[in-house]
């Protein structure tokens, strides 16, 4: 026979798991030092300049 589960508890467990995933994403996004943020911005700007330099003029 199938295992009987309590739907209320299953919903709560799913909500906890979703919150844990969101917390992990926030730690990656917001848990960086100022130097790391500045370095990433500089790399992004350099990549954009590199791409813009290779575009054709219309």
N, C-alpha and C. Protein backbone atom coordinates (compact mmCIF):
# COMPACT_ATOMS: atom_id res chain seq x y z
N UNK A 1 0.83 -1.19 0.00
CA UNK A 1 0.00 0.00 0.00
C UNK A 1 0.87 1.25 0.00
N UNK A 2 0.26 2.34 -0.37
CA UNK A 2 0.97 3.61 -0.42
C UNK A 2 1.13 4.19 0.98
N UNK A 3 2.16 4.97 1.13
CA UNK A 3 2.42 5.61 2.42
C UNK A 3 1.49 6.80 2.59
N UNK A 4 0.88 6.92 3.73
CA UNK A 4 -0.03 8.02 4.01
C UNK A 4 0.79 9.22 4.48
N UNK A 5 0.53 10.38 3.85
CA UNK A 5 1.25 11.59 4.23
C UNK A 5 0.26 12.67 4.64
N UNK A 6 0.72 13.55 5.49
CA UNK A 6 -0.09 14.68 5.91
C UNK A 6 0.22 15.83 4.94
N UNK A 7 -0.79 16.27 4.19
CA UNK A 7 -0.57 17.31 3.18
C UNK A 7 -0.12 18.63 3.78
N UNK A 8 -0.60 18.95 4.96
CA UNK A 8 -0.20 20.19 5.63
C UNK A 8 1.31 20.17 5.91
N UNK A 9 1.79 19.03 6.42
CA UNK A 9 3.21 18.90 6.70
C UNK A 9 4.04 18.91 5.41
N UNK A 10 3.51 18.30 4.37
CA UNK A 10 4.22 18.28 3.09
C UNK A 10 4.35 19.69 2.54
N UNK A 11 3.29 20.50 2.65
CA UNK A 11 3.34 21.90 2.18
C UNK A 11 4.39 22.68 2.96
N UNK A 12 4.41 22.48 4.27
CA UNK A 12 5.38 23.19 5.12
C UNK A 12 6.80 22.78 4.76
N UNK A 13 7.04 21.51 4.52
CA UNK A 13 8.37 21.04 4.15
C UNK A 13 8.81 21.64 2.82
N UNK A 14 7.87 21.71 1.87
CA UNK A 14 8.18 22.30 0.57
C UNK A 14 8.51 23.78 0.72
N UNK A 15 7.76 24.50 1.55
CA UNK A 15 8.02 25.91 1.78
C UNK A 15 9.39 26.12 2.41
N UNK A 16 9.75 25.25 3.36
CA UNK A 16 11.08 25.35 3.99
C UNK A 16 12.18 25.12 2.97
N UNK A 17 11.99 24.14 2.10
CA UNK A 17 12.99 23.84 1.08
C UNK A 17 13.14 25.02 0.11
N UNK A 18 12.01 25.63 -0.28
CA UNK A 18 12.06 26.79 -1.18
C UNK A 18 12.78 27.96 -0.52
N UNK A 19 12.53 28.18 0.77
CA UNK A 19 13.20 29.26 1.48
C UNK A 19 14.70 29.00 1.58
N UNK A 20 15.09 27.75 1.75
CA UNK A 20 16.51 27.40 1.83
C UNK A 20 17.20 27.68 0.49
N UNK A 21 16.53 27.36 -0.60
CA UNK A 21 17.11 27.63 -1.93
C UNK A 21 17.26 29.13 -2.14
N UNK A 22 16.23 29.90 -1.78
CA UNK A 22 16.28 31.36 -1.93
C UNK A 22 17.40 31.95 -1.07
N UNK A 23 17.57 31.43 0.14
CA UNK A 23 18.61 31.92 1.03
C UNK A 23 19.99 31.64 0.43
N UNK A 24 20.16 30.50 -0.18
CA UNK A 24 21.44 30.17 -0.80
C UNK A 24 21.75 31.13 -1.96
N UNK A 25 20.73 31.44 -2.75
CA UNK A 25 20.92 32.38 -3.85
C UNK A 25 21.26 33.77 -3.33
N UNK A 26 20.59 34.20 -2.26
CA UNK A 26 20.87 35.51 -1.69
C UNK A 26 22.28 35.58 -1.11
N UNK A 27 22.75 34.49 -0.52
CA UNK A 27 24.11 34.48 0.01
C UNK A 27 25.12 34.68 -1.11
N UNK A 28 24.84 34.10 -2.28
CA UNK A 28 25.74 34.27 -3.42
C UNK A 28 25.69 35.71 -3.93
N UNK A 29 24.49 36.26 -4.05
CA UNK A 29 24.35 37.59 -4.62
C UNK A 29 24.79 38.71 -3.67
N UNK A 30 24.39 38.63 -2.43
CA UNK A 30 24.59 39.74 -1.52
C UNK A 30 25.71 39.51 -0.51
N UNK A 31 26.25 38.33 -0.46
CA UNK A 31 27.26 38.02 0.53
C UNK A 31 28.67 38.23 0.02
N UNK A 32 28.88 39.29 -0.78
CA UNK A 32 30.20 39.55 -1.35
C UNK A 32 30.78 40.82 -0.75
N UNK A 33 32.08 40.89 -0.75
CA UNK A 33 32.74 42.09 -0.24
C UNK A 33 32.67 43.19 -1.30
N UNK A 34 32.98 44.40 -0.87
CA UNK A 34 32.95 45.53 -1.79
C UNK A 34 33.97 45.34 -2.91
N UNK A 35 35.13 44.82 -2.58
CA UNK A 35 36.17 44.59 -3.58
C UNK A 35 35.70 43.59 -4.63
N UNK A 36 35.03 42.54 -4.20
CA UNK A 36 34.52 41.55 -5.15
C UNK A 36 33.48 42.15 -6.07
N UNK A 37 32.60 42.99 -5.52
CA UNK A 37 31.58 43.65 -6.34
C UNK A 37 32.22 44.57 -7.36
N UNK A 38 33.21 45.36 -6.93
CA UNK A 38 33.89 46.28 -7.85
C UNK A 38 34.63 45.52 -8.95
N UNK A 39 35.27 44.41 -8.58
CA UNK A 39 36.00 43.62 -9.57
C UNK A 39 35.05 43.05 -10.60
N UNK A 40 33.88 42.56 -10.15
CA UNK A 40 32.91 42.00 -11.08
C UNK A 40 32.37 43.08 -12.01
N UNK A 41 32.11 44.27 -11.47
CA UNK A 41 31.64 45.38 -12.32
C UNK A 41 32.67 45.74 -13.37
N UNK A 42 33.95 45.79 -12.97
CA UNK A 42 35.02 46.13 -13.90
C UNK A 42 35.13 45.08 -15.00
N UNK A 43 35.03 43.80 -14.64
CA UNK A 43 35.09 42.73 -15.64
C UNK A 43 33.91 42.82 -16.61
N UNK A 44 32.74 43.13 -16.08
CA UNK A 44 31.55 43.25 -16.92
C UNK A 44 31.69 44.42 -17.89
N UNK A 45 32.20 45.56 -17.40
CA UNK A 45 32.38 46.74 -18.25
C UNK A 45 33.42 46.46 -19.34
N UNK A 46 34.48 45.77 -18.98
CA UNK A 46 35.51 45.45 -19.96
C UNK A 46 34.95 44.52 -21.03
N UNK A 47 34.15 43.56 -20.65
CA UNK A 47 33.55 42.64 -21.62
C UNK A 47 32.60 43.39 -22.55
N UNK A 48 31.83 44.33 -22.01
CA UNK A 48 30.91 45.11 -22.85
C UNK A 48 31.68 45.97 -23.84
N UNK A 49 32.78 46.58 -23.39
CA UNK A 49 33.60 47.39 -24.31
C UNK A 49 34.20 46.52 -25.40
N UNK A 50 34.61 45.33 -25.04
CA UNK A 50 35.19 44.41 -26.01
C UNK A 50 34.16 44.04 -27.07
N UNK A 51 32.94 43.75 -26.64
CA UNK A 51 31.88 43.39 -27.59
C UNK A 51 31.51 44.59 -28.46
N UNK A 52 31.40 45.76 -27.85
CA UNK A 52 31.04 46.97 -28.61
C UNK A 52 32.10 47.28 -29.66
N UNK A 53 33.35 47.00 -29.36
CA UNK A 53 34.43 47.27 -30.29
C UNK A 53 34.39 46.38 -31.52
N UNK A 54 33.73 45.25 -31.44
CA UNK A 54 33.67 44.32 -32.54
C UNK A 54 32.36 44.41 -33.33
N UNK A 55 31.48 45.32 -32.98
CA UNK A 55 30.22 45.46 -33.70
C UNK A 55 30.45 46.25 -35.00
N UNK A 56 29.64 45.94 -35.97
CA UNK A 56 29.71 46.64 -37.25
C UNK A 56 28.88 47.91 -37.17
N UNK A 57 29.36 48.96 -37.82
CA UNK A 57 28.57 50.19 -37.91
C UNK A 57 27.55 50.03 -39.02
N UNK A 58 26.35 50.55 -38.77
CA UNK A 58 25.30 50.45 -39.79
C UNK A 58 25.14 51.75 -40.50
